[in-house]
Amino acid sequence: MTALHDLPAHELLAAYRQRTLSPVEVTEAVLAHIARWEPHIQATYLLRPEAALAQARASEARWLRGEPQGALDGVPSTIKENIATQGDPTPLGTAAVELVPAAADAPPAARMREAGAVIVAKTTMPDYGMLSSGLSTFHPLSRNPWDVSKGPGGSSAGGGAAAAAGYGPLHIGTDIGGSLRLPASWCGIFSLKPSLGRIPIDPPYTGRAAGPMTRTVADAALMMQVLSQPDARDSMSLPAQDIAWGQFNKLAERARSLQGLKIGLLLDAGCGLPVEPEVKAAIEHAARLMESAGATIVPMQPFMAQAMLDGMDHFWRMRSHTDLQALPAARRDKVLPYIRAWADSAAGLSGTEVFNASHQFHLTRVNTVKACSAFDYVISPVAPMPAFQAELPSPTNDPLRPLEHIGFTVPFNMSEQPAASVNCGYTRSGLPIGLQIAGARFDDLGVLQVAHAFELIREPQRAWPQPPSA
């Protein structure tokens, strides 16, 4: 029998409807499981069991009256720390931020509450979200449930670890260069970075998106139904659209589920670190599975260049340098030294150099859209390597080469295209490997459909990791 903390959201909702389970007993089971795992992986911030149980009791009462509040009523969930929740401070992963209670829920948090979700905890992130690791000066070091010597990825570090460890079925993260998909890849879960503006977020920023982190495409589709509702606070949000998220399984109805699709296979990002052999082999195997399901697989040439990646990196350095310089010296000194070294390296950039760096965002967008236009979807690695040591801020451990692992993910932030990570295999040591599936701008549902079709044709997945024995 599946443990309560491992049940997907759609099964929990069916059980609540049939009164075979209650939100209270499910929340109690999730909290007990978190208590076993949390000393080992440190995925949470503001874990408040009594507050979660109070929400669960209110949900139980609604279900008993036959009046559920929304599409997620009573389902245990977590929210990334940088998504504001009313009354809670938002430290952005760093000890340098002043702890001021948020005046209101940010749009994703508001939608989850309106839908009746039980917010069990918030989840950790690194300093300012500028690392693909769980290293933070505010939070304890977050670790990967598959191997606690490894990191979960970032910046949605706690969300990836929480989903893999079974802290309930639904988790929300954010992504500006890979921060949803990298933890998803390294923690063996599913995540969708939607089209820019599909999920309203506050504050909005070029390339920034919130998205679901789940174990299944079905649960991500359920979250998209809730999170994609409009919110005027996001100046870049898309117009409200009636998308049939429940049709995520449409392709699965066909015998050859991917028949007729032309899918590009990208194995070289054109920049950054080379793809490690085990990762390349897993992606090539995934491509063969898709081909056997009817897809036409076409190898792609790289469309990124090192200058594009470097330019975006340098522009972000200057942005962070400007932000840090605005802090009082005592608070600036609390920022992670790696982040400070990275940001301060931009101090000598000229105006011309900053402009040229900023122009790389546009070139990245143009090249990505052009390269993908010949295909229905594009598949690639999420990252060139599996999860790396937990204590490292980045795979290179070099503040002057900090983004060498995001060459496959960041293009789709800049092109505003939806892109997902779905597990496609494991290394010899048992670490997960993520397959990225990217679609045309606005085709979020199509990406979910292809990802779900792949879920059905991939090999059986390994059992989720369990907390170490006491």
Protein backbone atom coordinates (compact mmCIF):
# COMPACT_ATOMS: atom_id res chain seq x y z
CA MET A 1 0.00 0.00 0.00
CA THR A 2 1.33 3.46 -0.94
CA ALA A 3 2.27 5.56 2.08
CA LEU A 4 0.10 8.65 2.54
CA HIS A 5 3.02 11.03 2.03
CA ASP A 6 3.73 9.40 -1.35
CA LEU A 7 0.19 9.69 -2.77
CA PRO A 8 -0.17 12.08 -5.73
CA ALA A 9 -2.54 15.01 -5.44
CA HIS A 10 -5.17 13.65 -7.81
CA GLU A 11 -5.44 10.45 -5.72
CA LEU A 12 -5.70 12.43 -2.49
CA LEU A 13 -8.50 14.55 -3.90
CA ALA A 14 -10.41 11.46 -5.04
CA ALA A 15 -10.01 9.93 -1.57
CA TYR A 16 -11.23 13.13 0.12
CA ARG A 17 -14.24 13.14 -2.18
CA GLN A 18 -15.00 9.51 -1.28
CA ARG A 19 -14.23 10.16 2.42
CA THR A 20 -11.72 7.32 2.55
CA LEU A 21 -9.00 9.76 3.64
CA SER A 22 -9.06 13.09 5.43
CA PRO A 23 -6.76 16.09 4.95
CA VAL A 24 -5.88 15.87 8.64
CA GLU A 25 -4.54 12.32 8.53
CA VAL A 26 -2.66 13.03 5.31
CA THR A 27 -1.10 16.20 6.71
CA GLU A 28 -0.15 14.37 9.90
CA ALA A 29 1.54 11.65 7.82
CA VAL A 30 3.41 14.22 5.73
CA LEU A 31 4.58 16.10 8.83
CA ALA A 32 5.80 12.87 10.42
CA HIS A 33 7.71 12.01 7.25
CA ILE A 34 9.24 15.48 7.12
CA ALA A 35 10.39 15.06 10.73
CA ARG A 36 12.27 11.91 9.72
CA TRP A 37 13.88 13.48 6.63
CA GLU A 38 14.49 17.08 7.58
CA PRO A 39 17.57 16.64 9.81
CA HIS A 40 19.29 15.06 6.79
CA ILE A 41 18.28 17.34 3.90
CA GLN A 42 17.25 20.70 5.46
CA ALA A 43 14.73 21.56 2.75
CA THR A 44 12.31 23.76 4.70
CA TYR A 45 11.91 27.29 5.98
CA LEU A 46 9.00 28.22 8.26
CA LEU A 47 7.96 24.63 8.88
CA ARG A 48 5.00 25.15 11.23
CA PRO A 49 3.17 21.89 11.96
CA GLU A 50 0.37 23.44 14.02
CA ALA A 51 -0.43 26.00 11.33
CA ALA A 52 -0.49 23.22 8.71
CA LEU A 53 -2.79 21.09 10.86
CA ALA A 54 -5.13 24.04 11.40
CA GLN A 55 -5.42 24.42 7.62
CA ALA A 56 -6.00 20.67 7.30
CA ARG A 57 -8.79 20.72 9.91
CA ALA A 58 -10.52 23.57 8.08
CA SER A 59 -10.22 21.62 4.83
CA GLU A 60 -11.60 18.47 6.44
CA ALA A 61 -14.64 20.40 7.63
CA ARG A 62 -15.26 21.71 4.12
CA TRP A 63 -15.04 18.22 2.61
CA LEU A 64 -17.42 16.86 5.25
CA ARG A 65 -19.92 19.55 4.28
CA GLY A 66 -19.40 18.64 0.63
CA GLU A 67 -18.11 22.15 -0.05
CA PRO A 68 -14.42 21.96 -1.04
CA GLN A 69 -12.90 25.40 -1.44
CA GLY A 70 -11.02 24.78 -4.67
CA ALA A 71 -9.15 22.38 -6.92
CA LEU A 72 -6.41 21.62 -4.35
CA ASP A 73 -8.39 21.59 -1.12
CA GLY A 74 -6.49 19.74 1.60
CA VAL A 75 -3.46 18.79 -0.49
CA PRO A 76 -0.12 19.29 1.34
CA SER A 77 2.09 21.77 -0.51
CA THR A 78 5.23 23.87 -0.15
CA ILE A 79 6.19 27.26 -1.59
CA LYS A 80 9.68 28.53 -2.36
CA GLU A 81 10.95 31.05 0.16
CA ASN A 82 11.21 33.95 -2.34
CA ILE A 83 7.47 33.79 -3.14
CA ALA A 84 6.00 36.13 -0.55
CA THR A 85 3.46 34.83 1.95
CA GLN A 86 1.56 37.36 4.00
CA GLY A 87 3.03 38.06 7.42
CA ASP A 88 6.24 36.13 6.77
CA PRO A 89 9.70 37.58 6.12
CA THR A 90 11.28 36.86 2.73
CA PRO A 91 15.04 36.56 3.33
CA LEU A 92 15.91 35.55 -0.27
CA GLY A 93 18.28 32.92 1.06
CA THR A 94 20.75 35.40 2.51
CA ALA A 95 21.59 36.69 5.97
CA ALA A 96 22.03 40.15 4.41
CA VAL A 97 18.31 40.80 3.93
CA GLU A 98 16.31 42.63 6.58
CA LEU A 99 13.53 40.38 7.89
CA VAL A 100 10.35 42.33 7.20
CA PRO A 101 6.94 40.57 7.15
CA ALA A 102 5.41 40.50 3.67
CA ALA A 103 2.29 42.67 3.30
CA ALA A 104 0.49 40.19 1.02
CA ASP A 105 0.73 36.82 -0.66
CA ALA A 106 2.52 36.91 -4.02
CA PRO A 107 0.32 35.63 -6.87
CA PRO A 108 1.38 31.92 -6.75
CA ALA A 109 0.88 31.76 -2.98
CA ALA A 110 -2.47 33.52 -3.25
CA ARG A 111 -3.69 31.05 -5.88
CA MET A 112 -2.66 28.06 -3.73
CA ARG A 113 -4.49 29.42 -0.69
CA GLU A 114 -7.60 30.22 -2.74
CA ALA A 115 -7.58 26.63 -4.01
CA GLY A 116 -7.50 25.29 -0.45
CA ALA A 117 -4.00 23.82 -0.49
CA VAL A 118 -2.43 23.10 2.91
CA ILE A 119 0.79 25.12 3.04
CA VAL A 120 3.02 22.84 5.10
CA ALA A 121 6.21 24.92 4.80
CA LYS A 122 8.25 27.18 2.61
CA THR A 123 11.39 25.80 1.01
CA THR A 124 15.00 26.94 0.95
CA MET A 125 17.08 28.76 -1.64
CA PRO A 126 20.70 30.00 -1.92
CA ASP A 127 21.76 33.63 -1.46
CA TYR A 128 19.60 35.80 -3.73
CA GLY A 129 18.76 32.72 -5.80
CA MET A 130 21.99 33.18 -7.74
CA LEU A 131 23.37 29.64 -7.29
CA SER A 132 22.40 26.21 -8.59
CA SER A 133 22.97 24.76 -5.14
CA GLY A 134 21.47 24.77 -1.66
CA LEU A 135 24.29 26.85 -0.18
CA SER A 136 22.92 29.78 1.84
CA THR A 137 24.05 32.18 4.55
CA PHE A 138 20.50 32.20 5.98
CA HIS A 139 19.29 28.61 5.65
CA PRO A 140 21.11 25.44 6.69
CA LEU A 141 22.76 23.62 3.79
CA SER A 142 20.10 21.76 1.76
CA ARG A 143 20.97 18.30 0.47
CA ASN A 144 19.78 15.80 -2.12
CA PRO A 145 17.63 12.89 -0.83
CA TRP A 146 19.13 10.51 -3.42
CA ASP A 147 22.60 11.06 -1.94
CA VAL A 148 22.94 13.48 0.96
CA SER A 149 26.56 14.18 0.05
CA LYS A 150 25.20 15.87 -3.11
CA GLY A 151 23.24 19.09 -3.50
CA PRO A 152 19.64 19.24 -4.71
CA GLY A 153 20.39 21.94 -7.27
CA GLY A 154 19.06 25.47 -7.18
CA SER A 155 17.92 27.96 -6.81
CA SER A 156 14.69 26.07 -6.02
CA ALA A 157 16.84 23.85 -3.82
CA GLY A 158 14.42 23.01 -1.04
CA GLY A 159 11.55 22.48 -3.46
CA GLY A 160 13.46 19.86 -5.43
CA ALA A 161 14.61 18.05 -2.29
CA ALA A 162 11.13 18.22 -0.74
CA ALA A 163 9.43 16.75 -3.80
CA ALA A 164 11.91 13.87 -4.05
CA ALA A 165 11.74 13.19 -0.32
CA GLY A 166 7.93 13.10 -0.21
CA TYR A 167 7.04 16.31 1.63
CA GLY A 168 3.60 16.10 0.05
CA PRO A 169 2.87 16.10 -3.69
CA LEU A 170 2.84 19.80 -4.68
CA HIS A 171 5.70 22.30 -4.61
CA ILE A 172 6.28 25.70 -6.23
CA GLY A 173 9.67 27.03 -7.33
CA THR A 174 10.96 29.82 -9.55
CA ASP A 175 13.33 29.89 -12.52
CA ILE A 176 15.34 32.62 -14.27
CA GLY A 177 18.08 30.50 -15.85
CA GLY A 178 17.23 26.92 -14.88
CA SER A 179 16.23 27.14 -11.22
CA LEU A 180 13.20 24.85 -11.60
CA ARG A 181 14.63 22.39 -14.11
CA LEU A 182 18.08 21.93 -12.56
CA PRO A 183 16.76 20.77 -9.16
CA ALA A 184 14.16 18.68 -10.97
CA SER A 185 16.87 16.97 -13.00
CA TRP A 186 19.17 16.37 -10.05
CA CYS A 187 16.35 15.23 -7.74
CA GLY A 188 14.56 13.00 -10.27
CA ILE A 189 11.24 14.88 -10.22
CA PHE A 190 9.13 16.69 -12.83
CA SER A 191 9.03 20.44 -13.28
CA LEU A 192 7.69 22.86 -15.85
CA LYS A 193 9.12 26.32 -16.46
CA PRO A 194 6.10 27.78 -18.22
CA SER A 195 5.96 30.42 -20.92
CA LEU A 196 6.86 33.80 -19.50
CA GLY A 197 3.72 35.29 -17.95
CA ARG A 198 1.72 32.06 -17.93
CA ILE A 199 1.90 32.01 -14.12
CA PRO A 200 1.71 35.56 -12.78
CA ILE A 201 4.51 36.42 -10.35
CA ASP A 202 5.44 39.46 -8.30
CA PRO A 203 7.95 40.97 -8.70
CA PRO A 204 8.19 40.15 -12.43
CA TYR A 205 11.58 40.19 -14.14
CA THR A 206 12.85 39.31 -17.62
CA GLY A 207 13.00 35.54 -17.91
CA ARG A 208 11.64 34.89 -14.41
CA ALA A 209 8.92 32.28 -14.04
CA ALA A 210 7.23 30.36 -11.24
CA GLY A 211 6.27 26.76 -11.84
CA PRO A 212 5.24 23.41 -10.38
CA MET A 213 7.67 20.87 -8.91
CA THR A 214 6.01 17.46 -8.60
CA ARG A 215 6.64 13.76 -9.00
CA THR A 216 4.23 13.41 -11.92
CA VAL A 217 3.04 15.38 -14.92
CA ALA A 218 -0.55 14.83 -13.75
CA ASP A 219 0.06 16.77 -10.54
CA ALA A 220 1.87 19.54 -12.42
CA ALA A 221 -1.12 19.89 -14.75
CA LEU A 222 -3.39 20.15 -11.72
CA MET A 223 -1.21 22.95 -10.34
CA MET A 224 -1.16 24.78 -13.69
CA GLN A 225 -4.96 24.91 -13.59
CA VAL A 226 -4.66 26.90 -10.36
CA LEU A 227 -1.44 28.89 -10.82
CA SER A 228 -2.21 30.20 -14.32
CA GLN A 229 -5.15 32.31 -13.14
CA PRO A 230 -4.65 36.03 -13.89
CA ASP A 231 -3.18 38.56 -11.47
CA ALA A 232 -2.82 42.25 -12.35
CA ARG A 233 0.34 42.61 -10.27
CA ASP A 234 2.42 40.94 -12.99
CA SER A 235 2.97 43.48 -15.77
CA MET A 236 4.26 40.68 -18.03
CA SER A 237 1.45 38.21 -17.41
CA LEU A 238 -0.34 36.67 -20.38
CA PRO A 239 -4.03 37.32 -20.99
CA ALA A 240 -6.33 34.88 -19.21
CA GLN A 241 -6.83 31.80 -21.36
CA ASP A 242 -9.06 28.76 -20.96
CA ILE A 243 -6.48 25.99 -21.33
CA ALA A 244 -7.65 22.39 -20.98
CA TRP A 245 -4.93 21.37 -18.52
CA GLY A 246 -6.82 18.15 -17.84
CA GLN A 247 -5.89 17.01 -21.36
CA PHE A 248 -2.23 16.53 -20.38
CA ASN A 249 -2.74 12.81 -21.16
CA LYS A 250 -4.16 13.33 -24.66
CA LEU A 251 -1.17 11.87 -26.53
CA ALA A 252 -1.22 8.77 -24.34
CA GLU A 253 -4.47 7.73 -26.00
CA ARG A 254 -2.62 6.89 -29.23
CA ALA A 255 -0.85 3.59 -29.82
CA ARG A 256 2.24 5.42 -31.08
CA SER A 257 1.83 8.38 -28.80
CA LEU A 258 4.35 10.71 -30.48
CA GLN A 259 3.43 9.83 -34.06
CA GLY A 260 3.85 12.78 -36.42
CA LEU A 261 5.97 14.92 -34.11
CA LYS A 262 9.30 16.29 -35.33
CA ILE A 263 11.62 16.57 -32.34
CA GLY A 264 15.03 18.21 -32.35
CA LEU A 265 17.80 16.49 -30.36
CA LEU A 266 20.33 18.92 -28.88
CA LEU A 267 23.37 17.26 -27.28
CA ASP A 268 25.80 20.19 -27.43
CA ALA A 269 24.79 23.51 -25.86
CA GLY A 270 27.52 25.36 -27.73
CA CYS A 271 28.80 26.86 -24.49
CA GLY A 272 29.73 25.92 -20.97
CA LEU A 273 30.83 22.54 -19.68
CA PRO A 274 30.79 19.45 -21.93
CA VAL A 275 28.06 16.88 -21.42
CA GLU A 276 29.27 13.97 -19.31
CA PRO A 277 29.06 10.52 -20.96
CA GLU A 278 26.41 9.07 -18.62
CA VAL A 279 24.16 12.07 -19.19
CA LYS A 280 24.61 11.95 -22.96
CA ALA A 281 23.84 8.23 -23.02
CA ALA A 282 20.62 8.73 -21.03
CA ILE A 283 19.41 11.50 -23.36
CA GLU A 284 20.21 9.46 -26.46
CA HIS A 285 18.30 6.53 -24.98
CA ALA A 286 15.33 8.81 -24.30
CA ALA A 287 15.46 9.96 -27.93
CA ARG A 288 15.36 6.34 -29.10
CA LEU A 289 12.32 5.67 -26.91
CA MET A 290 10.57 8.70 -28.40
CA GLU A 291 11.46 7.52 -31.88
CA SER A 292 9.98 4.12 -31.11
CA ALA A 293 6.79 5.96 -30.06
CA GLY A 294 6.52 7.51 -33.52
CA ALA A 295 8.49 10.74 -33.28
CA THR A 296 10.97 11.81 -35.93
CA ILE A 297 14.21 12.69 -34.14
CA VAL A 298 16.51 15.18 -35.88
CA PRO A 299 19.97 16.04 -34.47
CA MET A 300 20.48 19.77 -33.92
CA GLN A 301 23.54 21.96 -34.14
CA PRO A 302 24.29 24.25 -31.19
CA PHE A 303 22.63 27.67 -31.36
CA MET A 304 24.21 29.22 -28.25
CA ALA A 305 27.73 30.65 -28.10
CA GLN A 306 30.04 31.17 -25.14
CA ALA A 307 29.78 34.94 -25.70
CA MET A 308 26.02 34.77 -25.10
CA LEU A 309 26.39 32.89 -21.84
CA ASP A 310 29.23 35.16 -20.72
CA GLY A 311 27.27 38.28 -21.59
CA MET A 312 24.23 37.26 -19.55
CA ASP A 313 26.55 36.30 -16.70
CA HIS A 314 28.31 39.68 -16.78
CA PHE A 315 25.05 41.61 -16.89
CA TRP A 316 23.73 39.68 -13.87
CA ARG A 317 27.03 40.34 -12.10
CA MET A 318 26.57 44.08 -12.58
CA ARG A 319 22.96 43.92 -11.42
CA SER A 320 24.03 42.07 -8.27
CA HIS A 321 27.02 44.36 -7.75
CA THR A 322 24.73 47.39 -7.88
CA ASP A 323 22.31 45.77 -5.42
CA LEU A 324 25.08 44.82 -3.00
CA GLN A 325 26.66 48.25 -3.15
CA ALA A 326 23.34 49.72 -2.01
CA LEU A 327 23.48 47.67 1.21
CA PRO A 328 25.06 48.99 4.41
CA ALA A 329 28.57 47.55 4.77
CA ALA A 330 27.60 45.40 7.76
CA ARG A 331 24.84 43.70 5.79
CA ARG A 332 26.92 43.41 2.62
CA ASP A 333 29.54 41.52 4.63
CA LYS A 334 26.94 38.83 5.40
CA VAL A 335 26.49 37.85 1.76
CA LEU A 336 28.03 34.53 0.74
CA PRO A 337 31.69 35.26 -0.22
CA TYR A 338 31.29 33.41 -3.53
CA ILE A 339 28.38 35.70 -4.50
CA ARG A 340 30.29 38.79 -3.40
CA ALA A 341 33.34 37.79 -5.44
CA TRP A 342 31.13 37.12 -8.45
CA ALA A 343 29.27 40.43 -8.17
CA ASP A 344 32.31 42.55 -7.33
CA SER A 345 34.11 41.26 -10.44
CA ALA A 346 31.79 43.54 -12.43
CA ALA A 347 32.94 46.72 -10.67
CA GLY A 348 35.30 47.73 -13.47
CA LEU A 349 32.95 47.11 -16.42
CA SER A 350 32.43 50.12 -18.68
CA GLY A 351 29.05 51.30 -19.89
CA THR A 352 29.83 49.88 -23.32
CA GLU A 353 30.71 46.50 -21.84
CA VAL A 354 27.49 46.39 -19.82
CA PHE A 355 25.46 47.31 -22.91
CA ASN A 356 27.17 44.60 -24.97
CA ALA A 357 26.53 42.13 -22.16
CA SER A 358 22.85 43.06 -22.03
CA HIS A 359 22.58 42.62 -25.81
CA GLN A 360 23.37 38.92 -25.39
CA PHE A 361 19.93 38.36 -23.88
CA HIS A 362 18.36 39.49 -27.15
CA LEU A 363 20.76 37.45 -29.28
CA THR A 364 20.03 34.40 -27.15
CA ARG A 365 16.31 34.91 -27.66
CA VAL A 366 16.60 35.33 -31.43
CA ASN A 367 18.91 32.33 -31.87
CA THR A 368 16.78 30.07 -29.68
CA VAL A 369 13.51 30.86 -31.42
CA LYS A 370 15.10 30.48 -34.86
CA ALA A 371 16.73 27.13 -34.02
CA CYS A 372 13.56 25.69 -32.51
CA SER A 373 11.20 26.90 -35.23
CA ALA A 374 11.92 23.86 -37.41
CA PHE A 375 10.65 21.47 -34.73
CA ASP A 376 7.51 20.71 -32.77
CA TYR A 377 9.62 20.15 -29.65
CA VAL A 378 13.29 20.08 -28.68
CA ILE A 379 14.87 17.61 -26.26
CA SER A 380 18.24 17.93 -24.55
CA PRO A 381 19.98 17.36 -21.26
CA VAL A 382 18.86 19.71 -18.50
CA ALA A 383 22.44 19.92 -17.23
CA PRO A 384 25.71 18.52 -18.53
CA MET A 385 26.34 16.64 -15.27
CA PRO A 386 24.42 14.92 -12.46
CA ALA A 387 24.18 16.37 -8.95
CA PHE A 388 27.47 17.67 -7.52
CA GLN A 389 28.85 17.98 -3.99
CA ALA A 390 26.44 19.73 -1.62
CA GLU A 391 29.02 22.12 -0.19
CA LEU A 392 29.94 23.59 -3.59
CA PRO A 393 28.19 26.75 -4.80
CA SER A 394 28.43 25.63 -8.45
CA PRO A 395 29.85 22.70 -10.43
CA THR A 396 33.02 24.69 -11.26
CA ASN A 397 33.40 26.16 -7.75
CA ASP A 398 34.72 29.25 -9.55
CA PRO A 399 32.96 32.64 -9.14
CA LEU A 400 34.40 33.73 -12.48
CA ARG A 401 32.90 30.66 -14.23
CA PRO A 402 29.67 30.25 -12.28
CA LEU A 403 27.11 29.53 -15.01
CA GLU A 404 28.89 26.94 -17.14
CA HIS A 405 26.13 24.40 -16.43
CA ILE A 406 23.09 26.40 -17.63
CA GLY A 407 23.75 26.42 -21.38
CA PHE A 408 20.79 24.11 -22.04
CA THR A 409 18.30 25.81 -19.71
CA VAL A 410 18.83 29.58 -19.89
CA PRO A 411 17.99 29.96 -23.62
CA PHE A 412 14.36 29.07 -22.93
CA ASN A 413 14.04 31.69 -20.21
CA MET A 414 15.14 34.35 -22.68
CA SER A 415 12.97 33.03 -25.54
CA GLU A 416 9.95 32.79 -23.17
CA GLN A 417 9.33 29.19 -24.28
CA PRO A 418 7.99 26.50 -21.96
CA ALA A 419 10.51 23.85 -20.96
CA ALA A 420 10.19 20.88 -18.62
CA SER A 421 12.47 18.43 -16.89
CA VAL A 422 11.41 14.80 -16.63
CA ASN A 423 13.57 11.99 -15.29
CA CYS A 424 15.02 9.77 -18.01
CA GLY A 425 17.57 7.58 -16.22
CA TYR A 426 20.19 7.21 -13.53
CA THR A 427 23.96 7.22 -13.27
CA ARG A 428 25.83 4.09 -12.21
CA SER A 429 25.86 5.49 -8.68
CA GLY A 430 22.07 5.99 -8.72
CA LEU A 431 21.76 9.75 -9.31
CA PRO A 432 18.83 10.90 -11.48
CA ILE A 433 19.28 12.42 -14.94
CA GLY A 434 16.77 14.89 -16.36
CA LEU A 435 15.54 15.18 -19.95
CA GLN A 436 14.56 18.70 -20.98
CA ILE A 437 11.54 19.03 -23.28
CA ALA A 438 11.01 22.49 -24.75
CA GLY A 439 8.10 23.67 -26.88
CA ALA A 440 7.04 26.72 -28.81
CA ARG A 441 6.07 29.83 -26.90
CA PHE A 442 2.61 29.43 -25.30
CA ASP A 443 2.53 25.65 -25.92
CA ASP A 444 2.73 24.79 -22.23
CA LEU A 445 0.03 22.14 -22.52
CA GLY A 446 1.85 20.49 -25.43
CA VAL A 447 5.04 20.22 -23.36
CA LEU A 448 3.04 18.56 -20.58
CA GLN A 449 1.51 16.15 -23.11
CA VAL A 450 4.88 15.11 -24.55
CA ALA A 451 6.36 14.79 -21.05
CA HIS A 452 3.47 12.57 -19.95
CA ALA A 453 3.83 10.43 -23.07
CA PHE A 454 7.49 10.01 -22.17
CA GLU A 455 6.55 9.06 -18.59
CA LEU A 456 4.62 6.13 -20.05
CA ILE A 457 7.37 4.82 -22.35
CA ARG A 458 10.41 5.22 -20.11
CA GLU A 459 11.71 2.36 -17.99
CA PRO A 460 10.15 1.78 -14.56
CA GLN A 461 11.43 4.35 -12.09
CA ARG A 462 13.44 3.48 -9.01
CA ALA A 463 11.79 3.71 -5.61
CA TRP A 464 11.92 7.16 -4.05
CA PRO A 465 14.68 7.58 -1.49
CA GLN A 466 13.88 6.97 2.16
CA PRO A 467 15.25 8.84 5.19
CA PRO A 468 18.42 7.36 6.67
CA SER A 469 17.98 5.18 9.71
CA ALA A 470 18.42 6.96 13.03
